[in-house]
Protein backbone atom coordinates (compact mmCIF):
# COMPACT_ATOMS: atom_id res chain seq x y z
CA MET A 1 -0.08 0.06 -0.10
CA GLY A 2 1.34 3.39 -0.87
CA ARG A 3 2.17 6.13 1.59
CA ILE A 4 0.16 9.47 1.57
CA ILE A 5 2.30 12.74 2.14
CA VAL A 6 0.61 16.33 2.57
CA VAL A 7 2.59 19.30 1.84
CA THR A 8 1.36 22.04 3.90
CA SER A 9 1.97 25.17 5.92
CA GLY A 10 -0.97 27.13 6.75
CA LYS A 11 0.36 30.24 5.34
CA GLY A 12 0.31 30.91 1.59
CA GLY A 13 3.40 32.15 -0.58
CA VAL A 14 5.85 29.91 1.24
CA GLY A 15 6.72 27.64 -1.77
CA LYS A 16 4.29 24.60 -1.09
CA SER A 17 3.48 23.80 -4.54
CA THR A 18 7.03 24.18 -5.79
CA THR A 19 8.12 21.88 -2.92
CA SER A 20 5.33 19.45 -3.84
CA ALA A 21 6.37 19.41 -7.69
CA SER A 22 10.08 18.98 -6.81
CA PHE A 23 9.40 16.35 -4.03
CA ALA A 24 7.09 14.35 -6.04
CA LEU A 25 9.31 14.19 -9.25
CA GLY A 26 12.41 13.66 -6.89
CA LEU A 27 10.62 10.48 -5.70
CA ALA A 28 9.92 9.30 -9.24
CA LEU A 29 13.24 10.07 -10.23
CA ARG A 30 14.40 7.61 -7.48
CA GLY A 31 12.46 4.83 -8.99
CA TYR A 32 9.16 5.15 -7.06
CA LYS A 33 5.85 5.32 -8.68
CA THR A 34 4.50 8.55 -7.39
CA LEU A 35 0.92 10.37 -7.94
CA LEU A 36 0.77 14.08 -7.36
CA ILE A 37 -2.63 15.51 -6.29
CA ASP A 38 -3.44 19.21 -6.41
CA PHE A 39 -6.04 19.92 -3.79
CA ASP A 40 -6.07 23.82 -4.48
CA ILE A 41 -9.51 23.93 -6.04
CA GLY A 42 -10.24 27.06 -8.17
CA LEU A 43 -6.58 28.04 -7.90
CA ARG A 44 -4.58 25.13 -9.33
CA ASN A 45 -0.95 25.61 -10.54
CA LEU A 46 0.80 22.35 -10.13
CA ASP A 47 -0.24 21.81 -14.09
CA LEU A 48 1.82 24.98 -14.72
CA LEU A 49 4.94 23.89 -12.67
CA LEU A 50 4.94 20.48 -14.44
CA GLY A 51 4.41 21.79 -17.81
CA HIS A 52 0.97 19.80 -18.24
CA GLU A 53 -1.53 22.61 -18.76
CA LYS A 54 -2.34 21.69 -22.30
CA ARG A 55 -2.67 18.06 -21.48
CA ILE A 56 -5.55 18.25 -18.85
CA VAL A 57 -8.84 16.77 -19.70
CA TYR A 58 -10.13 15.73 -16.07
CA ASP A 59 -9.31 16.59 -12.44
CA ILE A 60 -9.70 15.74 -9.11
CA VAL A 61 -13.57 16.56 -8.87
CA ASN A 62 -14.27 14.18 -11.72
CA VAL A 63 -12.69 11.42 -10.15
CA MET A 64 -14.24 12.14 -6.62
CA ARG A 65 -17.74 12.20 -8.32
CA GLU A 66 -16.82 8.86 -10.06
CA GLU A 67 -17.32 10.42 -13.41
CA VAL A 68 -14.00 9.02 -14.66
CA ALA A 69 -11.48 6.58 -13.31
CA LEU A 70 -8.40 7.60 -11.58
CA GLN A 71 -6.26 6.18 -14.22
CA ASP A 72 -8.10 7.94 -16.97
CA ALA A 73 -7.84 11.40 -15.09
CA VAL A 74 -4.01 11.32 -14.39
CA VAL A 75 -1.51 12.98 -16.61
CA LYS A 76 1.76 11.28 -17.00
CA ASP A 77 4.89 13.30 -16.82
CA LEU A 78 6.77 13.46 -19.99
CA ARG A 79 10.24 13.40 -18.18
CA CYS A 80 9.66 10.58 -15.94
CA SER A 81 7.00 8.02 -16.39
CA ARG A 82 6.77 6.99 -12.86
CA LEU A 83 5.22 10.58 -12.04
CA ALA A 84 1.63 11.37 -12.63
CA LEU A 85 -0.54 14.31 -11.92
CA LEU A 86 -4.30 14.53 -10.75
CA PRO A 87 -4.83 18.35 -11.34
CA GLY A 88 -7.19 20.42 -9.29
CA SER A 89 -10.35 21.70 -10.76
CA GLN A 90 -10.04 25.16 -12.26
CA PHE A 91 -13.67 26.22 -12.09
CA GLU A 92 -15.21 24.51 -8.90
CA ASP A 93 -15.25 25.65 -5.41
CA LYS A 94 -13.07 24.27 -2.43
CA GLU A 95 -16.61 23.37 -0.92
CA VAL A 96 -17.03 20.84 -3.61
CA LEU A 97 -14.56 18.35 -1.97
CA GLU A 98 -16.32 15.65 0.08
CA ARG A 99 -14.65 13.31 2.65
CA ARG A 100 -16.21 10.12 1.35
CA GLY A 101 -15.31 10.63 -2.26
CA ILE A 102 -11.61 11.90 -1.32
CA ALA A 103 -11.15 8.69 0.81
CA LYS A 104 -12.40 6.40 -2.01
CA LEU A 105 -9.95 8.30 -4.30
CA LEU A 106 -7.05 7.96 -1.98
CA SER A 107 -7.79 4.45 -1.28
CA GLU A 108 -7.34 3.58 -4.78
CA ALA A 109 -4.32 5.76 -5.36
CA ARG A 110 -2.77 3.76 -2.39
CA LYS A 111 -3.00 0.59 -4.33
CA LYS A 112 -1.47 1.89 -7.55
CA TYR A 113 1.36 4.19 -6.34
CA GLN A 114 3.81 3.95 -3.85
CA TYR A 115 3.74 7.45 -2.77
CA VAL A 116 0.76 9.95 -3.08
CA VAL A 117 1.80 13.61 -2.61
CA CYS A 118 -1.12 15.80 -1.59
CA ASP A 119 -0.36 19.62 -2.48
CA SER A 120 -2.56 21.69 0.25
CA PRO A 121 -4.02 24.89 -0.47
CA ALA A 122 -3.06 27.90 2.04
CA GLY A 123 -5.16 28.32 5.07
CA ILE A 124 -6.80 25.86 7.43
CA GLU A 125 -10.36 25.53 5.71
CA LYS A 126 -11.96 22.77 3.85
CA GLY A 127 -9.20 22.23 1.09
CA ALA A 128 -6.43 21.99 3.53
CA ASP A 129 -8.45 19.75 5.79
CA MET A 130 -9.05 17.33 2.88
CA ALA A 131 -5.48 17.38 1.75
CA MET A 132 -4.27 16.44 5.41
CA TYR A 133 -6.89 14.33 6.94
CA PHE A 134 -5.88 10.74 5.34
CA ALA A 135 -2.06 11.67 5.31
CA ASP A 136 0.80 9.22 6.70
CA ASP A 137 3.41 11.83 6.52
CA ALA A 138 3.50 15.71 6.32
CA LEU A 139 6.12 18.19 4.87
CA LEU A 140 5.83 21.37 6.65
CA VAL A 141 7.19 24.24 4.45
CA ALA A 142 8.33 27.20 6.37
CA THR A 143 10.26 30.24 5.32
CA PRO A 144 12.79 31.93 7.93
CA GLU A 145 10.30 34.50 9.19
CA ARG A 146 8.38 34.34 12.35
CA PRO A 147 4.84 34.55 10.79
CA SER A 148 5.69 31.48 8.66
CA VAL A 149 7.13 29.41 11.55
CA ARG A 150 3.96 30.46 13.74
CA ASP A 151 1.73 29.16 10.98
CA ALA A 152 3.64 25.96 10.52
CA ASP A 153 3.34 25.47 14.54
CA ARG A 154 -0.33 25.64 14.20
CA MET A 155 -0.41 23.10 11.41
CA ILE A 156 1.58 20.78 13.55
CA GLY A 157 -1.29 20.92 16.07
CA LEU A 158 -3.85 20.33 13.40
CA LEU A 159 -2.07 17.40 12.15
CA THR A 160 -2.16 15.83 15.55
CA ASN A 161 -5.74 16.42 16.38
CA ARG A 162 -7.80 16.72 13.30
CA THR A 163 -7.08 13.92 11.10
CA TYR A 164 -8.13 10.19 10.39
CA ARG A 165 -5.14 8.83 12.37
CA ALA A 166 -5.77 11.12 15.29
CA GLU A 167 -9.77 10.22 15.38
CA LYS A 168 -8.92 6.53 15.26
CA GLY A 169 -6.15 6.59 17.81
CA LEU A 170 -3.56 5.43 15.38
CA GLU A 171 0.17 6.48 15.44
CA ASP A 172 0.45 10.34 14.76
CA ILE A 173 1.22 11.67 11.18
CA ALA A 174 4.94 12.07 10.99
CA PRO A 175 5.93 15.65 10.46
CA TYR A 176 9.09 16.83 8.64
CA LEU A 177 10.33 20.37 8.34
CA VAL A 178 11.44 21.94 4.89
CA ILE A 179 12.87 25.50 5.31
CA ASN A 180 12.52 27.23 1.92
CA ARG A 181 14.11 30.40 0.37
CA TYR A 182 17.01 30.37 2.85
CA ARG A 183 19.58 32.95 2.69
CA HIS A 184 22.77 32.43 4.78
CA SER A 185 23.76 35.79 4.56
CA LEU A 186 20.44 37.21 6.03
CA ALA A 187 20.36 34.59 8.84
CA LYS A 188 23.93 35.45 9.85
CA ARG A 189 23.24 39.21 10.07
CA GLY A 190 19.89 38.46 12.29
CA ILE A 191 17.54 39.60 9.40
CA ALA A 192 16.24 36.17 8.85
CA LEU A 193 15.81 33.25 11.36
CA THR A 194 18.48 30.64 11.56
CA PRO A 195 17.66 26.85 11.02
CA LYS A 196 18.50 26.37 14.77
CA GLN A 197 15.82 29.25 15.67
CA ILE A 198 13.19 27.81 13.57
CA LEU A 199 13.82 24.31 14.94
CA ASP A 200 13.64 25.54 18.61
CA ASN A 201 10.28 26.67 17.86
CA LEU A 202 9.00 23.60 15.85
CA SER A 203 10.88 20.66 17.36
CA ILE A 204 10.32 18.49 14.37
CA PRO A 205 12.91 16.63 12.27
CA LEU A 206 14.37 18.91 9.47
CA ILE A 207 14.86 17.19 6.29
CA GLY A 208 15.53 19.94 3.98
CA ILE A 209 17.06 23.53 3.57
CA ILE A 210 16.27 25.20 0.17
CA PRO A 211 18.27 28.08 -0.70
CA ASP A 212 16.63 31.23 -2.35
CA SER A 213 17.36 30.95 -6.05
CA GLU A 214 16.51 32.36 -9.35
CA SER A 215 16.56 29.03 -10.64
CA VAL A 216 13.26 28.23 -8.92
CA THR A 217 11.66 31.10 -10.94
CA ARG A 218 13.12 29.90 -14.11
CA ALA A 219 11.92 26.43 -13.38
CA ALA A 220 8.43 27.50 -12.74
CA ASN A 221 8.43 29.48 -15.92
CA ILE A 222 9.39 26.85 -18.15
CA GLY A 223 7.26 24.29 -16.44
CA GLU A 224 9.94 21.96 -15.27
CA PRO A 225 10.48 21.30 -11.37
CA VAL A 226 13.58 22.65 -10.23
CA VAL A 227 14.67 19.31 -8.79
CA TYR A 228 15.46 18.38 -12.47
CA ASP A 229 18.11 21.07 -12.78
CA HIS A 230 21.18 19.26 -11.39
CA LYS A 231 23.33 22.42 -11.82
CA SER A 232 20.88 24.39 -9.39
CA ALA A 233 21.78 24.63 -5.60
CA ALA A 234 18.01 24.69 -4.99
CA GLY A 235 17.52 21.62 -7.37
CA ASN A 236 20.11 19.77 -5.49
CA ALA A 237 18.77 20.59 -2.24
CA TYR A 238 15.29 19.26 -3.20
CA ALA A 239 17.17 16.16 -4.33
CA ASP A 240 18.81 15.97 -0.88
CA THR A 241 15.43 16.24 0.79
CA VAL A 242 13.98 13.39 -0.96
CA ALA A 243 16.94 11.34 -0.04
CA ARG A 244 16.64 12.15 3.58
CA TYR A 245 12.92 11.27 3.55
CA LEU A 246 13.72 8.06 2.13
CA GLY A 247 16.35 7.56 4.97
CA ASP A 248 19.53 8.35 3.51
CA SER A 249 22.26 10.13 5.39
CA VAL A 250 23.20 13.30 3.50
CA ALA A 251 24.87 16.31 4.56
CA TYR A 252 23.53 19.78 4.00
CA THR A 253 25.11 22.25 2.03
CA LEU A 254 25.37 25.94 3.64
CA LEU A 255 25.23 28.36 1.03
CA HIS A 256 27.41 31.40 1.63
CA GLU A 257 26.66 34.12 -1.06
CA GLY A 258 29.77 34.95 -2.86
CA LYS A 259 31.74 31.95 -1.46
CA ARG A 260 31.87 28.41 -2.27
CA SER A 261 29.39 25.95 -0.78
CA ILE A 262 30.28 24.38 2.48
CA ARG A 263 29.53 20.86 3.28
CA SER A 264 28.34 20.34 6.88
CA ARG A 265 27.82 16.93 8.69
CA LEU A 266 26.27 18.46 11.58
CA PHE A 267 22.95 17.29 10.09
CA GLY A 268 23.62 13.78 8.71
CA ASN A 269 20.54 11.80 9.52
CA LYS A 270 17.05 13.16 8.80
CA ARG A 271 15.84 12.56 12.48
CA VAL A 272 18.95 14.49 14.00
CA HIS A 273 17.77 18.15 15.10
CA LEU A 274 19.94 21.08 14.14
CA ASN A 275 22.56 21.81 16.94
CA ASP A 276 24.31 24.80 15.02
CA GLU A 277 23.52 27.39 12.36
């Protein structure tokens, strides 16, 4: 049975969809059959980030309403056949989502895919609730700013108390932290939070630090997740994030603007908390 991963934050504009696209493609590039689902009803954009916008015929609502089978609605990625996208609806409202229909959809997806990555919309309303309710794991995306960290902390509470696992008394959803748009020079000057400061607030395992990079903007505009760009620091950081999620011991790259990258072994294992900047 496949594992369901929700990518969430509570706050909008922190890079959830960018993270979802690169994380899902990263899993597929590692050999895992992966389905990426866009839960942002009415405001979908994963199709653009993957370059699939001209290939969409059906969406998540069609599958939920059983108007079309899951395998007929997904769009297979042209770069990696192990990745497929189930788009969000562009014309419906988020209130259209219904738990029973989503439960059936995800149950079928578990049987067909090894990983199902659910891209959550911003906020804590119905769309986000549906995206996280059946999750096994959660990627909490936060930028090095206090409002973003506080919203991520709020989401940890919801993941603990407002999910299927919580209601049935099962093992808690496993949360993992991804720090996005990190600039070491700003953190060093006290303008942005350091990874240690963020972890002191959230106390969950850190599996990724994604540097602020123009390559992310470029990737979004050409419809190719940045993880596919092996020359990009951000792309390599997403690949490392996937590796840590899968249990590999991978050193972090601390990016010092204007200097060569420094490899650090302080954070070798995904479950080891950060003890330094």
